[in-house]
Amino acid sequence: MSEPCEVKFKLVRSRSSVSRARAVLRASLGEWRAAQTVCEAGELVLSELVTNALHVQVPEDRMIGVRIECRGRGGLLRLEVSDAGEGRPVVQRPGELATTGRGLLLVEALAHRWGVDERQDGIGKTVWAELLAPGIVPLPGRTDIAAVTIRAGQSVRVGGAWRTVRSVRSERYASGGLSVIVGLDEGPALRLQAGEPVTVRIGGVHAEGARAVGSRTRPAAGPVSTS
């Protein structure tokens, strides 16, 4: 079996995080050439897991961890969502008129198997689900880093295309905050906030940024030296 490939990222405690998790999963499964049925089931399962994590009673600054793992051709797609809450989720059997409480029922129906583990490197738990994914073709995994830690030789995704980082330098905002200016092999340089999360690819010949840099990422204003 091929070595597992993974994508890891963190989400703030916001309703918009559900759609972000789905978007990252959709992009990853597209690259891994997953079947449409796997994509649809995976998005539903991940949505339910993230939604449940958002309902956990923890401080608002506690983030939600997500890990997407692919294991070889004809293998498994594993989805993990970690939160800092106590307790273990239980499958509910709501009545016909109930409008909530069916999330884990859906996970149970769509997943090959699912479960809950204590987090090995922190407080809280990880709820995971595995789906059969025949024909999936894994690529090297990814993980989140802060923009300030980007290095030349990595890549970021801009407008749906991969761009290799040629240079990185920092500048101070007038307010005192730090910005990171990333020179690319093609197109204008990017200006990012120092702590802005950027997903980098792990494994392969070189690390590649997998965060889709879109409308929130600003091209650097005016000419930017990338030397």
Protein backbone atom coordinates (compact mmCIF):
# COMPACT_ATOMS: atom_id res chain seq x y z
CA MET A 1 0.00 0.00 0.00
CA SER A 2 1.18 3.54 -0.71
CA GLU A 3 2.27 5.79 2.12
CA PRO A 4 -0.63 7.82 3.51
CA CYS A 5 -0.98 11.41 2.31
CA GLU A 6 -2.65 14.05 4.41
CA VAL A 7 -3.95 17.61 4.54
CA LYS A 8 -4.08 19.35 7.92
CA PHE A 9 -5.52 22.74 8.79
CA LYS A 10 -7.25 24.61 11.60
CA LEU A 11 -10.58 26.38 11.72
CA VAL A 12 -11.87 29.23 13.85
CA ARG A 13 -15.10 28.72 15.74
CA SER A 14 -17.39 30.23 13.11
CA ARG A 15 -20.27 28.92 11.02
CA SER A 16 -18.28 29.83 7.91
CA SER A 17 -15.71 27.20 8.90
CA VAL A 18 -18.03 24.43 7.71
CA SER A 19 -17.95 25.73 4.15
CA ARG A 20 -14.18 26.25 4.33
CA ALA A 21 -13.66 22.66 5.45
CA ARG A 22 -15.83 21.42 2.58
CA ALA A 23 -13.89 23.55 0.09
CA VAL A 24 -10.53 22.20 1.23
CA LEU A 25 -11.81 18.63 1.08
CA ARG A 26 -13.33 19.18 -2.37
CA ALA A 27 -10.06 20.59 -3.70
CA SER A 28 -8.03 17.75 -2.19
CA LEU A 29 -10.30 15.03 -3.53
CA GLY A 30 -10.24 16.66 -6.94
CA GLU A 31 -6.46 16.45 -6.98
CA TRP A 32 -6.61 12.87 -5.75
CA ARG A 33 -9.09 11.98 -8.53
CA ALA A 34 -11.68 10.64 -6.13
CA ALA A 35 -15.00 9.44 -7.53
CA GLN A 36 -17.94 11.85 -7.36
CA THR A 37 -19.75 9.59 -4.89
CA VAL A 38 -16.76 9.70 -2.55
CA CYS A 39 -16.59 13.50 -2.82
CA GLU A 40 -20.27 13.92 -2.03
CA ALA A 41 -20.23 11.51 0.90
CA GLY A 42 -16.99 12.96 2.24
CA GLU A 43 -18.33 16.52 2.18
CA LEU A 44 -21.47 15.50 4.05
CA VAL A 45 -19.52 13.60 6.69
CA LEU A 46 -16.95 16.35 7.21
CA SER A 47 -19.69 18.97 7.43
CA GLU A 48 -21.38 17.04 10.23
CA LEU A 49 -18.15 16.48 12.14
CA VAL A 50 -17.16 20.16 11.95
CA THR A 51 -20.69 21.28 12.87
CA ASN A 52 -20.64 19.04 15.95
CA ALA A 53 -17.25 20.44 16.96
CA LEU A 54 -18.61 23.99 16.68
CA HIS A 55 -21.35 23.12 19.18
CA VAL A 56 -18.90 21.92 21.82
CA GLN A 57 -18.81 24.21 24.85
CA VAL A 58 -15.23 25.51 24.91
CA PRO A 59 -13.67 29.03 24.93
CA GLU A 60 -14.13 30.88 21.65
CA ASP A 61 -10.38 31.10 21.03
CA ARG A 62 -10.07 27.32 20.87
CA MET A 63 -9.60 26.29 17.26
CA ILE A 64 -10.83 23.16 15.52
CA GLY A 65 -8.29 20.87 13.91
CA VAL A 66 -9.06 19.02 10.68
CA ARG A 67 -7.05 16.23 9.10
CA ILE A 68 -7.83 14.62 5.74
CA GLU A 69 -5.90 11.44 4.99
CA CYS A 70 -5.79 9.31 1.87
CA ARG A 71 -4.36 5.80 1.86
CA GLY A 72 -3.36 4.43 -1.53
CA ARG A 73 -5.37 3.28 -4.53
CA GLY A 74 -8.57 1.56 -3.56
CA GLY A 75 -7.93 2.48 0.05
CA LEU A 76 -9.60 4.66 2.61
CA LEU A 77 -10.40 8.32 2.99
CA ARG A 78 -10.06 9.24 6.66
CA LEU A 79 -11.55 12.45 8.03
CA GLU A 80 -10.61 13.69 11.50
CA VAL A 81 -11.97 16.67 13.43
CA SER A 82 -10.40 17.59 16.77
CA ASP A 83 -11.78 19.90 19.45
CA ALA A 84 -10.88 20.81 23.02
CA GLY A 85 -14.17 19.64 24.51
CA GLU A 86 -14.75 16.85 26.96
CA GLY A 87 -17.05 13.88 26.60
CA ARG A 88 -17.80 11.64 23.64
CA PRO A 89 -20.44 12.21 20.96
CA VAL A 90 -23.30 9.71 20.96
CA VAL A 91 -25.55 8.77 18.06
CA GLN A 92 -29.02 10.08 18.80
CA ARG A 93 -32.29 8.58 17.59
CA PRO A 94 -34.51 11.65 17.21
CA GLY A 95 -38.23 11.37 16.58
CA GLU A 96 -39.79 11.93 13.19
CA LEU A 97 -40.69 15.53 14.00
CA ALA A 98 -37.27 16.49 15.36
CA THR A 99 -35.31 18.95 13.20
CA THR A 100 -31.86 18.33 14.72
CA GLY A 101 -29.82 15.48 16.16
CA ARG A 102 -29.32 13.42 13.01
CA GLY A 103 -25.70 14.39 12.28
CA LEU A 104 -24.00 11.28 13.60
CA LEU A 105 -26.74 9.11 12.14
CA LEU A 106 -25.68 10.44 8.76
CA VAL A 107 -22.01 9.84 9.55
CA GLU A 108 -22.82 6.30 10.67
CA ALA A 109 -24.75 5.65 7.45
CA LEU A 110 -22.13 7.03 5.05
CA ALA A 111 -18.87 5.97 6.71
CA HIS A 112 -17.23 2.56 6.52
CA ARG A 113 -16.55 3.05 10.21
CA TRP A 114 -16.17 5.93 12.67
CA GLY A 115 -15.04 6.52 16.22
CA VAL A 116 -13.62 8.84 18.86
CA ASP A 117 -10.05 9.02 20.20
CA GLU A 118 -8.43 11.08 22.91
CA ARG A 119 -6.02 13.62 21.46
CA GLN A 120 -2.43 12.49 21.81
CA ASP A 121 -0.88 15.98 21.87
CA GLY A 122 -3.48 18.11 23.59
CA ILE A 123 -6.74 18.30 25.48
CA GLY A 124 -10.02 17.18 24.04
CA LYS A 125 -10.84 14.53 21.48
CA THR A 126 -10.72 13.60 17.81
CA VAL A 127 -13.82 12.32 16.06
CA TRP A 128 -12.92 10.41 12.91
CA ALA A 129 -14.66 8.66 10.05
CA GLU A 130 -13.33 6.44 7.30
CA LEU A 131 -14.92 6.10 3.87
CA LEU A 132 -14.10 3.57 1.19
CA ALA A 133 -12.40 5.39 -1.68
CA PRO A 134 -11.73 3.03 -4.61
CA GLY A 135 -9.39 4.39 -7.26
CA ILE A 136 -8.20 7.36 -5.25
CA VAL A 137 -4.71 8.57 -6.20
CA PRO A 138 -2.98 10.28 -3.26
CA LEU A 139 -0.58 13.18 -3.62
CA PRO A 140 1.87 14.44 -0.99
CA GLY A 141 0.14 15.79 2.12
CA ARG A 142 -0.23 19.32 3.41
CA THR A 143 -0.26 21.19 6.68
CA ASP A 144 -0.86 24.76 7.84
CA ILE A 145 1.91 27.24 8.67
CA ALA A 146 1.92 30.98 9.33
CA ALA A 147 2.78 33.20 6.36
CA VAL A 148 5.82 34.51 8.21
CA THR A 149 7.39 31.03 8.04
CA ILE A 150 7.09 30.64 4.24
CA ARG A 151 10.41 29.92 2.56
CA ALA A 152 11.69 30.10 -1.02
CA GLY A 153 11.14 26.84 -2.90
CA GLN A 154 7.68 26.26 -1.49
CA SER A 155 4.58 26.96 -3.56
CA VAL A 156 1.28 28.73 -3.04
CA ARG A 157 -1.91 28.34 -4.99
CA VAL A 158 -3.04 31.54 -6.69
CA GLY A 159 -6.22 31.67 -8.72
CA GLY A 160 -6.34 27.88 -8.99
CA ALA A 161 -2.73 27.49 -10.19
CA TRP A 162 0.42 26.55 -8.29
CA ARG A 163 3.08 29.26 -8.02
CA THR A 164 6.58 28.62 -6.70
CA VAL A 165 7.91 31.01 -4.07
CA ARG A 166 11.07 32.75 -5.29
CA SER A 167 11.63 35.17 -2.44
CA VAL A 168 10.16 36.22 0.90
CA ARG A 169 10.66 39.46 2.79
CA SER A 170 8.80 41.32 5.53
CA GLU A 171 7.62 44.89 5.99
CA ARG A 172 6.06 46.79 8.86
CA TYR A 173 2.61 48.32 8.52
CA ALA A 174 2.24 51.92 9.69
CA SER A 175 0.25 50.50 12.60
CA GLY A 176 3.24 48.39 13.61
CA GLY A 177 1.99 45.03 12.37
CA LEU A 178 4.12 42.77 10.21
CA SER A 179 3.36 41.89 6.59
CA VAL A 180 5.04 39.23 4.48
CA ILE A 181 5.71 39.88 0.79
CA VAL A 182 6.05 36.73 -1.28
CA GLY A 183 7.69 36.88 -4.70
CA LEU A 184 6.45 34.23 -7.14
CA ASP A 185 7.73 32.62 -10.30
CA GLU A 186 4.77 34.14 -12.19
CA GLY A 187 2.48 37.06 -11.56
CA PRO A 188 2.62 39.85 -8.98
CA ALA A 189 4.03 39.41 -5.50
CA LEU A 190 1.59 38.67 -2.67
CA ARG A 191 1.25 40.61 0.56
CA LEU A 192 0.08 38.52 3.52
CA GLN A 193 -0.40 39.20 7.18
CA ALA A 194 2.37 37.56 9.20
CA GLY A 195 0.06 35.21 11.06
CA GLU A 196 -2.18 34.38 8.12
CA PRO A 197 -2.44 30.59 7.74
CA VAL A 198 -0.92 29.13 4.58
CA THR A 199 -1.06 25.42 3.84
CA VAL A 200 2.18 23.85 2.62
CA ARG A 201 2.59 20.49 1.02
CA ILE A 202 4.71 17.94 2.85
CA GLY A 203 6.62 15.18 1.09
CA GLY A 204 7.60 15.02 -2.56
CA VAL A 205 10.53 16.86 -4.12
CA HIS A 206 9.73 20.13 -2.40
CA ALA A 207 7.02 21.55 -0.16
CA GLU A 208 4.17 23.26 -1.95
CA GLY A 209 1.66 25.71 -0.52
CA ALA A 210 -1.82 24.32 -0.85
CA ARG A 211 -3.85 27.22 0.45
CA ALA A 212 -6.00 28.64 -2.32
CA VAL A 213 -4.87 32.25 -2.27
CA GLY A 214 -7.94 34.15 -3.36
CA SER A 215 -9.70 37.42 -2.75
CA ARG A 216 -8.43 37.73 0.82
CA THR A 217 -4.81 37.68 -0.31
CA ARG A 218 -3.71 41.00 -1.69
CA PRO A 219 -1.15 41.54 -4.45
CA ALA A 220 1.55 43.82 -3.10
CA ALA A 221 0.73 47.42 -3.82
CA GLY A 222 3.06 48.91 -6.44
CA PRO A 223 6.33 47.38 -7.60
CA VAL A 224 7.79 44.96 -5.10
CA SER A 225 11.42 43.93 -5.13
CA THR A 226 11.80 40.17 -4.99
CA SER A 227 15.55 40.16 -4.78
